[in-house]
PDB file of all heavy atoms in Angstrom:
ATOM      1  N   GLU A   1       0.890  -1.179  -0.015  1.00  0.00           N
ATOM      2  CA  GLU A   1      -0.019  -0.029  -0.058  1.00  0.00           C
ATOM      3  C   GLU A   1       0.890   1.259  -0.070  1.00  0.00           C
ATOM      4  O   GLU A   1       0.569   2.229  -0.668  1.00  0.00           O
ATOM      5  CB  GLU A   1      -0.914  -0.036   1.275  1.00  0.00           C
ATOM      6  CG  GLU A   1      -2.273  -0.685   1.036  1.00  0.00           C
ATOM      7  CD  GLU A   1      -3.156  -0.499   2.235  1.00  0.00           C
ATOM      8  OE1 GLU A   1      -3.662   0.740   2.378  1.00  0.00           O
ATOM      9  OE2 GLU A   1      -3.422  -1.440   2.946  1.00  0.00           O
ATOM     10  N   TYR A   2       1.868   1.209   0.767  1.00  0.00           N
ATOM     11  CA  TYR A   2       2.845   2.319   0.875  1.00  0.00           C
ATOM     12  C   TYR A   2       3.470   2.653  -0.535  1.00  0.00           C
ATOM     13  O   TYR A   2       3.477   3.795  -0.935  1.00  0.00           O
ATOM     14  CB  TYR A   2       3.883   2.025   1.948  1.00  0.00           C
ATOM     15  CG  TYR A   2       4.902   3.080   2.053  1.00  0.00           C
ATOM     16  CD1 TYR A   2       4.759   4.208   2.900  1.00  0.00           C
ATOM     17  CD2 TYR A   2       6.167   3.135   1.358  1.00  0.00           C
ATOM     18  CE1 TYR A   2       5.708   5.238   3.142  1.00  0.00           C
ATOM     19  CE2 TYR A   2       7.061   4.154   1.453  1.00  0.00           C
ATOM     20  CZ  TYR A   2       6.840   5.169   2.350  1.00  0.00           C
ATOM     21  OH  TYR A   2       7.708   6.199   2.471  1.00  0.00           O
ATOM     22  N   THR A   3       3.992   1.633  -1.173  1.00  0.00           N
ATOM     23  CA  THR A   3       4.659   1.871  -2.493  1.00  0.00           C
ATOM     24  C   THR A   3       3.615   2.278  -3.496  1.00  0.00           C
ATOM     25  O   THR A   3       4.005   2.970  -4.465  1.00  0.00           O
ATOM     26  CB  THR A   3       5.457   0.619  -2.900  1.00  0.00           C
ATOM     27  OG1 THR A   3       4.556  -0.572  -2.936  1.00  0.00           O
ATOM     28  CG2 THR A   3       6.529   0.316  -1.970  1.00  0.00           C
ATOM     29  N   GLU A   4       2.383   1.823  -3.385  1.00  0.00           N
ATOM     30  CA  GLU A   4       1.336   2.319  -4.312  1.00  0.00           C
ATOM     31  C   GLU A   4       0.946   3.774  -4.077  1.00  0.00           C
ATOM     32  O   GLU A   4       0.735   4.568  -5.002  1.00  0.00           O
ATOM     33  CB  GLU A   4       0.076   1.394  -4.221  1.00  0.00           C
ATOM     34  CG  GLU A   4       0.267   0.027  -4.797  1.00  0.00           C
ATOM     35  CD  GLU A   4      -0.877  -0.974  -4.522  1.00  0.00           C
ATOM     36  OE1 GLU A   4      -1.857  -0.499  -3.887  1.00  0.00           O
ATOM     37  OE2 GLU A   4      -0.797  -2.106  -4.906  1.00  0.00           O
ATOM     38  N   LEU A   5       0.924   4.132  -2.812  1.00  0.00           N
ATOM     39  CA  LEU A   5       0.547   5.510  -2.424  1.00  0.00           C
ATOM     40  C   LEU A   5       1.697   6.474  -2.682  1.00  0.00           C
ATOM     41  O   LEU A   5       1.424   7.699  -3.071  1.00  0.00           O
ATOM     42  CB  LEU A   5       0.166   5.599  -0.916  1.00  0.00           C
ATOM     43  CG  LEU A   5      -0.310   6.852  -0.370  1.00  0.00           C
ATOM     44  CD1 LEU A   5      -1.658   7.254  -1.081  1.00  0.00           C
ATOM     45  CD2 LEU A   5      -0.486   6.841   1.106  1.00  0.00           C
ATOM     46  N   ALA A   6       2.953   5.997  -2.557  1.00  0.00           N
ATOM     47  CA  ALA A   6       4.077   6.955  -2.820  1.00  0.00           C
ATOM     48  C   ALA A   6       5.094   6.242  -3.663  1.00  0.00           C
ATOM     49  O   ALA A   6       6.178   5.827  -3.199  1.00  0.00           O
ATOM     50  CB  ALA A   6       4.743   7.220  -1.450  1.00  0.00           C
ATOM     51  N   PRO A   7       4.814   6.017  -4.943  1.00  0.00           N
ATOM     52  CA  PRO A   7       5.736   5.370  -5.795  1.00  0.00           C
ATOM     53  C   PRO A   7       6.994   6.165  -5.926  1.00  0.00           C
ATOM     54  O   PRO A   7       6.963   7.407  -6.117  1.00  0.00           O
ATOM     55  CB  PRO A   7       4.983   5.282  -7.187  1.00  0.00           C
ATOM     56  CG  PRO A   7       3.842   6.224  -7.111  1.00  0.00           C
ATOM     57  CD  PRO A   7       3.550   6.448  -5.630  1.00  0.00           C
ATOM     58  N   GLY A   8       8.134   5.553  -5.903  1.00  0.00           N
ATOM     59  CA  GLY A   8       9.342   6.168  -5.993  1.00  0.00           C
ATOM     60  C   GLY A   8       9.876   6.810  -4.753  1.00  0.00           C
ATOM     61  O   GLY A   8      10.959   7.363  -4.690  1.00  0.00           O
ATOM     62  N   ASP A   9       9.141   6.773  -3.667  1.00  0.00           N
ATOM     63  CA  ASP A   9       9.566   7.319  -2.369  1.00  0.00           C
ATOM     64  C   ASP A   9      10.702   6.413  -1.909  1.00  0.00           C
ATOM     65  O   ASP A   9      10.711   5.281  -1.868  1.00  0.00           O
ATOM     66  CB  ASP A   9       8.401   7.290  -1.371  1.00  0.00           C
ATOM     67  CG  ASP A   9       8.761   7.993  -0.095  1.00  0.00           C
ATOM     68  OD1 ASP A   9       9.391   7.344   0.710  1.00  0.00           O
ATOM     69  OD2 ASP A   9       8.472   9.180  -0.039  1.00  0.00           O
ATOM     70  N   ARG A  10      11.743   7.182  -1.394  1.00  0.00           N
ATOM     71  CA  ARG A  10      12.958   6.497  -0.911  1.00  0.00           C
ATOM     72  C   ARG A  10      12.676   5.714   0.400  1.00  0.00           C
ATOM     73  O   ARG A  10      13.526   4.833   0.646  1.00  0.00           O
ATOM     74  CB  ARG A  10      14.088   7.523  -0.764  1.00  0.00           C
ATOM     75  CG  ARG A  10      14.517   8.091  -2.058  1.00  0.00           C
ATOM     76  CD  ARG A  10      15.641   9.032  -1.996  1.00  0.00           C
ATOM     77  NE  ARG A  10      15.925   9.492  -3.299  1.00  0.00           N
ATOM     78  CZ  ARG A  10      15.886  10.817  -3.718  1.00  0.00           C
ATOM     79  NH1 ARG A  10      15.549  11.685  -2.739  1.00  0.00           N
ATOM     80  NH2 ARG A  10      16.237  11.117  -4.908  1.00  0.00           N
ATOM     81  N   GLY A  11      11.629   6.068   1.077  1.00  0.00           N
ATOM     82  CA  GLY A  11      11.357   5.358   2.282  1.00  0.00           C
ATOM     83  C   GLY A  11      11.077   3.837   2.036  1.00  0.00           C
ATOM     84  O   GLY A  11      11.222   3.012   2.984  1.00  0.00           O
ATOM     85  N   ALA A  12      10.686   3.506   0.826  1.00  0.00           N
ATOM     86  CA  ALA A  12      10.374   2.163   0.447  1.00  0.00           C
ATOM     87  C   ALA A  12      11.614   1.262   0.593  1.00  0.00           C
ATOM     88  O   ALA A  12      11.566   0.064   1.021  1.00  0.00           O
ATOM     89  CB  ALA A  12       9.885   2.074  -0.968  1.00  0.00           C
ATOM     90  N   TYR A  13      12.805   1.818   0.319  1.00  0.00           N
ATOM     91  CA  TYR A  13      14.050   1.083   0.516  1.00  0.00           C
ATOM     92  C   TYR A  13      14.275   0.641   1.979  1.00  0.00           C
ATOM     93  O   TYR A  13      14.605  -0.442   2.336  1.00  0.00           O
ATOM     94  CB  TYR A  13      15.282   1.853   0.056  1.00  0.00           C
ATOM     95  CG  TYR A  13      15.341   2.105  -1.452  1.00  0.00           C
ATOM     96  CD1 TYR A  13      14.883   3.281  -2.019  1.00  0.00           C
ATOM     97  CD2 TYR A  13      15.829   1.068  -2.316  1.00  0.00           C
ATOM     98  CE1 TYR A  13      15.015   3.542  -3.442  1.00  0.00           C
ATOM     99  CE2 TYR A  13      15.887   1.303  -3.622  1.00  0.00           C
ATOM    100  CZ  TYR A  13      15.437   2.499  -4.210  1.00  0.00           C
ATOM    101  OH  TYR A  13      15.546   2.667  -5.577  1.00  0.00           O
ATOM    102  N   THR A  14      14.051   1.678   2.835  1.00  0.00           N
ATOM    103  CA  THR A  14      14.366   1.332   4.293  1.00  0.00           C
ATOM    104  C   THR A  14      13.327   0.448   4.823  1.00  0.00           C
ATOM    105  O   THR A  14      13.633  -0.395   5.692  1.00  0.00           O
ATOM    106  CB  THR A  14      14.503   2.698   5.033  1.00  0.00           C
ATOM    107  OG1 THR A  14      13.282   3.382   4.901  1.00  0.00           O
ATOM    108  CG2 THR A  14      15.652   3.451   4.646  1.00  0.00           C
ATOM    109  N   LEU A  15      12.045   0.564   4.351  1.00  0.00           N
ATOM    110  CA  LEU A  15      11.037  -0.379   4.823  1.00  0.00           C
ATOM    111  C   LEU A  15      11.386  -1.782   4.369  1.00  0.00           C
ATOM    112  O   LEU A  15      11.187  -2.702   5.051  1.00  0.00           O
ATOM    113  CB  LEU A  15       9.707   0.027   4.265  1.00  0.00           C
ATOM    114  CG  LEU A  15       8.898   1.063   5.024  1.00  0.00           C
ATOM    115  CD1 LEU A  15       7.549   1.373   4.421  1.00  0.00           C
ATOM    116  CD2 LEU A  15       8.725   0.627   6.458  1.00  0.00           C
ATOM    117  N   ARG A  16      11.730  -1.952   3.075  1.00  0.00           N
ATOM    118  CA  ARG A  16      12.100  -3.260   2.543  1.00  0.00           C
ATOM    119  C   ARG A  16      13.201  -3.836   3.428  1.00  0.00           C
ATOM    120  O   ARG A  16      13.209  -5.033   3.763  1.00  0.00           O
ATOM    121  CB  ARG A  16      12.460  -3.129   1.069  1.00  0.00           C
ATOM    122  CG  ARG A  16      12.970  -4.373   0.495  1.00  0.00           C
ATOM    123  CD  ARG A  16      12.124  -5.653   0.551  1.00  0.00           C
ATOM    124  NE  ARG A  16      10.783  -5.510   0.095  1.00  0.00           N
ATOM    125  CZ  ARG A  16       9.770  -6.243   0.435  1.00  0.00           C
ATOM    126  NH1 ARG A  16       9.965  -7.193   1.394  1.00  0.00           N
ATOM    127  NH2 ARG A  16       8.562  -6.071   0.014  1.00  0.00           N
ATOM    128  N   TYR A  17      14.256  -3.007   3.651  1.00  0.00           N
ATOM    129  CA  TYR A  17      15.292  -3.458   4.546  1.00  0.00           C
ATOM    130  C   TYR A  17      14.839  -3.981   5.871  1.00  0.00           C
ATOM    131  O   TYR A  17      15.263  -5.026   6.442  1.00  0.00           O
ATOM    132  CB  TYR A  17      16.429  -2.426   4.664  1.00  0.00           C
ATOM    133  CG  TYR A  17      17.420  -2.773   5.758  1.00  0.00           C
ATOM    134  CD1 TYR A  17      18.292  -3.793   5.524  1.00  0.00           C
ATOM    135  CD2 TYR A  17      17.375  -2.170   6.977  1.00  0.00           C
ATOM    136  CE1 TYR A  17      19.182  -4.190   6.468  1.00  0.00           C
ATOM    137  CE2 TYR A  17      18.223  -2.616   7.992  1.00  0.00           C
ATOM    138  CZ  TYR A  17      19.160  -3.553   7.681  1.00  0.00           C
ATOM    139  OH  TYR A  17      20.001  -4.068   8.705  1.00  0.00           O
ATOM    140  N   GLU A  18      14.009  -3.154   6.491  1.00  0.00           N
ATOM    141  CA  GLU A  18      13.458  -3.566   7.846  1.00  0.00           C
ATOM    142  C   GLU A  18      12.728  -4.822   7.790  1.00  0.00           C
ATOM    143  O   GLU A  18      12.869  -5.671   8.751  1.00  0.00           O
ATOM    144  CB  GLU A  18      12.684  -2.363   8.413  1.00  0.00           C
ATOM    145  CG  GLU A  18      13.583  -1.175   8.779  1.00  0.00           C
ATOM    146  CD  GLU A  18      12.816  -0.172   9.592  1.00  0.00           C
ATOM    147  OE1 GLU A  18      11.989  -0.535  10.440  1.00  0.00           O
ATOM    148  OE2 GLU A  18      13.124   1.076   9.395  1.00  0.00           O
ATOM    149  N   ILE A  19      12.003  -5.006   6.791  1.00  0.00           N
ATOM    150  CA  ILE A  19      11.290  -6.328   6.696  1.00  0.00           C
ATOM    151  C   ILE A  19      12.265  -7.490   6.509  1.00  0.00           C
ATOM    152  O   ILE A  19      12.143  -8.517   7.209  1.00  0.00           O
ATOM    153  CB  ILE A  19      10.277  -6.338   5.481  1.00  0.00           C
ATOM    154  CG1 ILE A  19       9.135  -5.303   5.754  1.00  0.00           C
ATOM    155  CG2 ILE A  19       9.708  -7.734   5.241  1.00  0.00           C
ATOM    156  CD1 ILE A  19       8.167  -5.073   4.617  1.00  0.00           C
ATOM    157  N   LEU A  20      13.252  -7.280   5.589  1.00  0.00           N
ATOM    158  CA  LEU A  20      14.218  -8.254   5.332  1.00  0.00           C
ATOM    159  C   LEU A  20      15.056  -8.597   6.638  1.00  0.00           C
ATOM    160  O   LEU A  20      15.341  -9.729   7.016  1.00  0.00           O
ATOM    161  CB  LEU A  20      15.237  -7.885   4.251  1.00  0.00           C
ATOM    162  CG  LEU A  20      14.628  -7.848   2.783  1.00  0.00           C
ATOM    163  CD1 LEU A  20      15.680  -7.270   1.881  1.00  0.00           C
ATOM    164  CD2 LEU A  20      14.177  -9.259   2.342  1.00  0.00           C
ATOM    165  N   ALA A  21      15.458  -7.565   7.321  1.00  0.00           N
ATOM    166  CA  ALA A  21      16.165  -7.771   8.601  1.00  0.00           C
ATOM    167  C   ALA A  21      15.420  -8.506   9.614  1.00  0.00           C
ATOM    168  O   ALA A  21      15.944  -9.400  10.287  1.00  0.00           O
ATOM    169  CB  ALA A  21      16.662  -6.396   9.111  1.00  0.00           C
ATOM    170  N   ALA A  22      14.091  -8.207   9.796  1.00  0.00           N
ATOM    171  CA  ALA A  22      13.268  -8.890  10.705  1.00  0.00           C
ATOM    172  C   ALA A  22      13.043 -10.327  10.366  1.00  0.00           C
ATOM    173  O   ALA A  22      12.990 -11.177  11.221  1.00  0.00           O
ATOM    174  CB  ALA A  22      11.923  -8.185  10.821  1.00  0.00           C
ATOM    175  N   GLN A  23      13.055 -10.552   9.086  1.00  0.00           N
ATOM    176  CA  GLN A  23      12.890 -11.975   8.544  1.00  0.00           C
ATOM    177  C   GLN A  23      14.197 -12.706   8.655  1.00  0.00           C
ATOM    178  O   GLN A  23      14.191 -13.896   8.346  1.00  0.00           O
ATOM    179  CB  GLN A  23      12.424 -11.941   7.135  1.00  0.00           C
ATOM    180  CG  GLN A  23      10.970 -11.572   6.948  1.00  0.00           C
ATOM    181  CD  GLN A  23      10.594 -11.384   5.530  1.00  0.00           C
ATOM    182  OE1 GLN A  23      11.422 -11.006   4.628  1.00  0.00           O
ATOM    183  NE2 GLN A  23       9.372 -11.708   5.247  1.00  0.00           N
ATOM    184  N   LYS A  24      15.313 -12.041   9.017  1.00  0.00           N
ATOM    185  CA  LYS A  24      16.597 -12.677   8.990  1.00  0.00           C
ATOM    186  C   LYS A  24      16.976 -13.162   7.590  1.00  0.00           C
ATOM    187  O   LYS A  24      17.499 -14.336   7.456  1.00  0.00           O
ATOM    188  CB  LYS A  24      16.761 -13.697  10.120  1.00  0.00           C
ATOM    189  CG  LYS A  24      16.590 -13.063  11.515  1.00  0.00           C
ATOM    190  CD  LYS A  24      16.972 -14.092  12.559  1.00  0.00           C
ATOM    191  CE  LYS A  24      16.712 -13.676  13.911  1.00  0.00           C
ATOM    192  NZ  LYS A  24      16.562 -12.305  14.375  1.00  0.00           N
ATOM    193  N   ALA A  25      16.647 -12.338   6.603  1.00  0.00           N
ATOM    194  CA  ALA A  25      16.990 -12.722   5.189  1.00  0.00           C
ATOM    195  C   ALA A  25      18.509 -12.776   4.962  1.00  0.00           C
ATOM    196  O   ALA A  25      19.216 -12.165   5.824  1.00  0.00           O
ATOM    197  CB  ALA A  25      16.377 -11.682   4.249  1.00  0.00           C
ATOM    198  N   PRO A  26      18.944 -13.390   3.912  1.00  0.00           N
ATOM    199  CA  PRO A  26      20.438 -13.410   3.687  1.00  0.00           C
ATOM    200  C   PRO A  26      21.020 -11.999   3.687  1.00  0.00           C
ATOM    201  O   PRO A  26      20.381 -11.083   3.223  1.00  0.00           O
ATOM    202  CB  PRO A  26      20.491 -14.096   2.360  1.00  0.00           C
ATOM    203  CG  PRO A  26      19.246 -14.910   2.197  1.00  0.00           C
ATOM    204  CD  PRO A  26      18.218 -14.151   2.907  1.00  0.00           C
ATOM    205  N   LEU A  27      22.276 -11.919   4.203  1.00  0.00           N
ATOM    206  CA  LEU A  27      22.941 -10.654   4.256  1.00  0.00           C
ATOM    207  C   LEU A  27      23.038 -10.016   2.852  1.00  0.00           C
ATOM    208  O   LEU A  27      22.927  -8.815   2.746  1.00  0.00           O
ATOM    209  CB  LEU A  27      24.333 -10.810   4.883  1.00  0.00           C
ATOM    210  CG  LEU A  27      24.372 -11.123   6.361  1.00  0.00           C
ATOM    211  CD1 LEU A  27      25.802 -11.273   6.785  1.00  0.00           C
ATOM    212  CD2 LEU A  27      23.780  -9.993   7.164  1.00  0.00           C
ATOM    213  N   LYS A  28      23.279 -10.858   1.891  1.00  0.00           N
ATOM    214  CA  LYS A  28      23.381 -10.402   0.488  1.00  0.00           C
ATOM    215  C   LYS A  28      22.047  -9.544   0.089  1.00  0.00           C
ATOM    216  O   LYS A  28      22.219  -8.444  -0.486  1.00  0.00           O
ATOM    217  CB  LYS A  28      23.499 -11.625  -0.407  1.00  0.00           C
ATOM    218  CG  LYS A  28      23.608 -11.307  -1.898  1.00  0.00           C
ATOM    219  CD  LYS A  28      23.777 -12.654  -2.668  1.00  0.00           C
ATOM    220  CE  LYS A  28      22.947 -12.622  -3.956  1.00  0.00           C
ATOM    221  NZ  LYS A  28      21.573 -12.404  -4.079  1.00  0.00           N
ATOM    222  N   ASP A  29      20.931 -10.076   0.412  1.00  0.00           N
ATOM    223  CA  ASP A  29      19.688  -9.318   0.147  1.00  0.00           C
ATOM    224  C   ASP A  29      19.620  -8.018   0.946  1.00  0.00           C
ATOM    225  O   ASP A  29      19.113  -7.045   0.334  1.00  0.00           O
ATOM    226  CB  ASP A  29      18.473 -10.246   0.363  1.00  0.00           C
ATOM    227  CG  ASP A  29      18.487 -11.454  -0.464  1.00  0.00           C
ATOM    228  OD1 ASP A  29      19.157 -11.510  -1.510  1.00  0.00           O
ATOM    229  OD2 ASP A  29      17.697 -12.385  -0.128  1.00  0.00           O
ATOM    230  N   GLN A  30      19.937  -8.082   2.145  1.00  0.00           N
ATOM    231  CA  GLN A  30      19.906  -6.854   3.050  1.00  0.00           C
ATOM    232  C   GLN A  30      20.846  -5.886   2.433  1.00  0.00           C
ATOM    233  O   GLN A  30      20.506  -4.590   2.428  1.00  0.00           O
ATOM    234  CB  GLN A  30      20.136  -7.183   4.446  1.00  0.00           C
ATOM    235  CG  GLN A  30      19.073  -8.107   5.055  1.00  0.00           C
ATOM    236  CD  GLN A  30      19.441  -8.413   6.483  1.00  0.00           C
ATOM    237  OE1 GLN A  30      19.795  -7.582   7.308  1.00  0.00           O
ATOM    238  NE2 GLN A  30      19.442  -9.730   6.847  1.00  0.00           N
ATOM    239  N   ILE A  31      22.054  -6.225   2.133  1.00  0.00           N
ATOM    240  CA  ILE A  31      23.087  -5.297   1.624  1.00  0.00           C
ATOM    241  C   ILE A  31      22.620  -4.675   0.332  1.00  0.00           C
ATOM    242  O   ILE A  31      22.789  -3.444   0.106  1.00  0.00           O
ATOM    243  CB  ILE A  31      24.434  -6.062   1.440  1.00  0.00           C
ATOM    244  CG1 ILE A  31      25.024  -6.369   2.805  1.00  0.00           C
ATOM    245  CG2 ILE A  31      25.312  -5.302   0.582  1.00  0.00           C
ATOM    246  CD1 ILE A  31      26.234  -7.322   2.761  1.00  0.00           C
ATOM    247  N   GLU A  32      22.050  -5.488  -0.645  1.00  0.00           N
ATOM    248  CA  GLU A  32      21.621  -5.002  -1.906  1.00  0.00           C
ATOM    249  C   GLU A  32      20.653  -3.898  -1.692  1.00  0.00           C
ATOM    250  O   GLU A  32      20.726  -2.866  -2.460  1.00  0.00           O
ATOM    251  CB  GLU A  32      21.022  -6.095  -2.783  1.00  0.00           C
ATOM    252  CG  GLU A  32      22.038  -7.010  -3.374  1.00  0.00           C
ATOM    253  CD  GLU A  32      21.420  -8.218  -4.096  1.00  0.00           C
ATOM    254  OE1 GLU A  32      20.196  -8.281  -4.293  1.00  0.00           O
ATOM    255  OE2 GLU A  32      22.132  -9.068  -4.545  1.00  0.00           O
ATOM    256  N   ILE A  33      19.616  -4.009  -0.855  1.00  0.00           N
ATOM    257  CA  ILE A  33      18.591  -2.989  -0.806  1.00  0.00           C
ATOM    258  C   ILE A  33      19.195  -1.724  -0.155  1.00  0.00           C
ATOM    259  O   ILE A  33      18.858  -0.603  -0.623  1.00  0.00           O
ATOM    260  CB  ILE A  33      17.356  -3.471   0.074  1.00  0.00           C
ATOM    261  CG1 ILE A  33      16.176  -2.651  -0.146  1.00  0.00           C
ATOM    262  CG2 ILE A  33      17.645  -3.683   1.504  1.00  0.00           C
ATOM    263  CD1 ILE A  33      15.563  -2.632  -1.504  1.00  0.00           C
ATOM    264  N   LEU A  34      20.108  -1.832   0.803  1.00  0.00           N
ATOM    265  CA  LEU A  34      20.691  -0.570   1.358  1.00  0.00           C
ATOM    266  C   LEU A  34      21.653   0.013   0.432  1.00  0.00           C
ATOM    267  O   LEU A  34      21.772   1.243   0.324  1.00  0.00           O
ATOM    268  CB  LEU A  34      21.387  -0.938   2.665  1.00  0.00           C
ATOM    269  CG  LEU A  34      20.463  -1.174   3.881  1.00  0.00           C
ATOM    270  CD1 LEU A  34      21.251  -1.285   5.220  1.00  0.00           C
ATOM    271  CD2 LEU A  34      19.474   0.004   4.080  1.00  0.00           C
ATOM    272  N   GLU A  35      22.349  -0.758  -0.398  1.00  0.00           N
ATOM    273  CA  GLU A  35      23.250  -0.200  -1.393  1.00  0.00           C
ATOM    274  C   GLU A  35      22.447   0.599  -2.387  1.00  0.00           C
ATOM    275  O   GLU A  35      22.803   1.762  -2.722  1.00  0.00           O
ATOM    276  CB  GLU A  35      23.977  -1.249  -2.122  1.00  0.00           C
ATOM    277  CG  GLU A  35      25.141  -1.843  -1.330  1.00  0.00           C
ATOM    278  CD  GLU A  35      25.815  -2.985  -2.125  1.00  0.00           C
ATOM    279  OE1 GLU A  35      25.159  -3.664  -2.908  1.00  0.00           O
ATOM    280  OE2 GLU A  35      26.969  -3.294  -1.717  1.00  0.00           O
ATOM    281  N   ALA A  36      21.267   0.111  -2.772  1.00  0.00           N
ATOM    282  CA  ALA A  36      20.409   0.814  -3.742  1.00  0.00           C
ATOM    283  C   ALA A  36      19.884   2.099  -3.158  1.00  0.00           C
ATOM    284  O   ALA A  36      19.911   3.183  -3.829  1.00  0.00           O
ATOM    285  CB  ALA A  36      19.212  -0.044  -4.129  1.00  0.00           C
ATOM    286  N   TYR A  37      19.618   2.089  -1.844  1.00  0.00           N
ATOM    287  CA  TYR A  37      19.126   3.265  -1.246  1.00  0.00           C
ATOM    288  C   TYR A  37      20.219   4.350  -1.116  1.00  0.00           C
ATOM    289  O   TYR A  37      19.996   5.479  -1.374  1.00  0.00           O
ATOM    290  CB  TYR A  37      18.527   2.963   0.165  1.00  0.00           C
ATOM    291  CG  TYR A  37      18.181   4.145   1.060  1.00  0.00           C
ATOM    292  CD1 TYR A  37      17.172   4.918   0.618  1.00  0.00           C
ATOM    293  CD2 TYR A  37      18.899   4.541   2.157  1.00  0.00           C
ATOM    294  CE1 TYR A  37      16.830   6.027   1.464  1.00  0.00           C
ATOM    295  CE2 TYR A  37      18.582   5.624   2.940  1.00  0.00           C
ATOM    296  CZ  TYR A  37      17.547   6.414   2.487  1.00  0.00           C
ATOM    297  OH  TYR A  37      17.166   7.537   3.202  1.00  0.00           O
TER     298      TYR A  37
END
């Protein structure tokens, strides 16, 4: 909903990271999203 309401908003990167971190996703995935941000 957030990304639909605010497409292109940079906050989407940090939100995606927070979800990945909470899920304990692979470091590679977490690093990629923060690098993009």
